Each structure stands twice: as C-alpha cells, then as structure tokens.
Amino acid sequence: MAAFSSIKLTYFNFGGRAELVRLALYIGGIPFEDKRLSREEFGALKSSFPLGQVPVLEVDGQVLTQTDAILRYVRRTSRWPLPN
C-alpha cells in the first residue's frame, strides 16, 4: 500500500453512501479523517465540492467524487482483497 500524507472522507453525519467507503478504508487498513457534515455545513460548502455533492475523498490534495469511483480507488490502493 502506498503511504499518504492525508486522506479525508467528507459526507453527512450518517451512514448512507459513504458507509461502504468507510468500511473499505477500514478493512483495507488505510487511515483516514472522517469529516461528517450537518445539513447546514453542507449547504455552506456545497459549491466547493465537485458536482456539488458528497461523498468526497481527498487524497493528498486530489479530490475524488462518486461512491463507486472512490471504492475502486480504495480497492486498488489497499490491494484488498488480495489475489490468490
């Protein structure tokens, strides 16, 4: 696994679409900051997110959006599950 200086997952303060990402990061052994937004915080920050939506994964300043794309990235980065 590559070493990252910072990984931050941003989503609402409940499971939803980001819960799969949280689990994948945990299972893959990738440390991350879990930034949880209230509705008010999201409203204030919405225009700063690509596509105006969450979840958003920031990796060393690079921003990834869309749950499926984020999950593919986490899978490839963590090399989980390992091939036989």
Protein backbone atom coordinates (compact mmCIF):
# COMPACT_ATOMS: atom_id res chain seq x y z
CA MET A 1 0.00 0.00 0.00
CA ALA A 2 1.24 3.48 -0.82
CA ALA A 3 1.83 5.91 2.03
CA PHE A 4 -0.36 9.00 2.04
CA SER A 5 0.17 12.17 3.98
CA SER A 6 -3.58 12.71 4.34
CA ILE A 7 -6.87 11.10 3.37
CA LYS A 8 -10.16 12.76 4.26
CA LEU A 9 -13.65 11.40 3.59
CA THR A 10 -16.42 14.01 3.68
CA TYR A 11 -20.08 13.05 3.98
CA PHE A 12 -23.15 13.65 6.13
CA ASN A 13 -23.30 12.58 9.77
CA PHE A 14 -24.90 9.19 8.99
CA GLY A 15 -24.06 6.02 7.07
CA GLY A 16 -25.55 6.41 3.60
CA ARG A 17 -23.33 6.04 0.54
CA ALA A 18 -20.14 6.81 2.47
CA GLU A 19 -20.58 3.89 4.87
CA LEU A 20 -19.29 1.49 2.20
CA VAL A 21 -16.27 3.72 1.70
CA ARG A 22 -15.63 3.91 5.46
CA LEU A 23 -15.76 0.11 5.69
CA ALA A 24 -13.48 -0.35 2.68
CA LEU A 25 -10.92 2.07 4.13
CA TYR A 26 -11.06 0.31 7.50
CA ILE A 27 -10.79 -3.20 6.02
CA GLY A 28 -8.01 -2.06 3.70
CA GLY A 29 -6.05 -0.69 6.66
CA ILE A 30 -5.99 2.84 5.29
CA PRO A 31 -6.05 5.55 7.98
CA PHE A 32 -8.37 8.45 7.17
CA GLU A 33 -10.08 11.50 8.62
CA ASP A 34 -13.86 11.09 8.74
CA LYS A 35 -15.33 14.58 8.22
CA ARG A 36 -19.07 14.46 8.94
CA LEU A 37 -21.24 17.38 7.86
CA SER A 38 -24.53 18.69 9.19
CA ARG A 39 -27.12 19.88 6.66
CA GLU A 40 -26.17 23.47 7.46
CA GLU A 41 -22.46 22.81 6.88
CA PHE A 42 -23.22 21.04 3.61
CA GLY A 43 -25.34 23.97 2.41
CA ALA A 44 -22.48 26.36 3.09
CA LEU A 45 -19.86 24.11 1.43
CA LYS A 46 -21.90 22.61 -1.44
CA SER A 47 -20.46 24.88 -4.12
CA SER A 48 -16.91 23.93 -3.12
CA PHE A 49 -17.47 20.22 -3.87
CA PRO A 50 -17.03 18.85 -7.39
CA LEU A 51 -20.51 18.16 -8.78
CA GLY A 52 -21.93 19.88 -5.68
CA GLN A 53 -22.37 16.55 -3.89
CA VAL A 54 -20.80 14.17 -1.40
CA PRO A 55 -19.18 11.77 -0.63
CA VAL A 56 -15.83 13.32 -1.47
CA LEU A 57 -12.47 11.68 -0.81
CA GLU A 58 -9.43 13.95 -0.65
CA VAL A 59 -6.08 12.20 -1.08
CA ASP A 60 -3.02 14.42 -0.69
CA GLY A 61 -4.98 17.37 -2.09
CA GLN A 62 -6.54 15.46 -5.00
CA VAL A 63 -10.34 15.16 -4.89
CA LEU A 64 -12.34 12.07 -5.87
CA THR A 65 -16.13 12.00 -6.15
CA GLN A 66 -18.83 9.38 -6.74
CA THR A 67 -19.04 6.41 -4.38
CA ASP A 68 -18.24 3.72 -6.96
CA ALA A 69 -15.15 5.57 -8.20
CA ILE A 70 -13.97 6.12 -4.63
CA LEU A 71 -14.48 2.42 -3.83
CA ARG A 72 -12.47 1.38 -6.91
CA TYR A 73 -9.66 3.70 -5.84
CA VAL A 74 -9.67 2.32 -2.27
CA ARG A 75 -9.70 -1.27 -3.54
CA ARG A 76 -6.74 -0.70 -5.85
CA THR A 77 -4.82 1.31 -3.27
CA SER A 78 -5.31 -1.15 -0.43
CA ARG A 79 -4.85 -4.21 -2.65
CA TRP A 80 -7.81 -5.81 -0.90
CA PRO A 81 -8.90 -8.45 -1.42
CA LEU A 82 -5.52 -9.89 -2.29
CA PRO A 83 -5.34 -12.04 -5.42
CA ASN A 84 -4.61 -15.75 -4.87
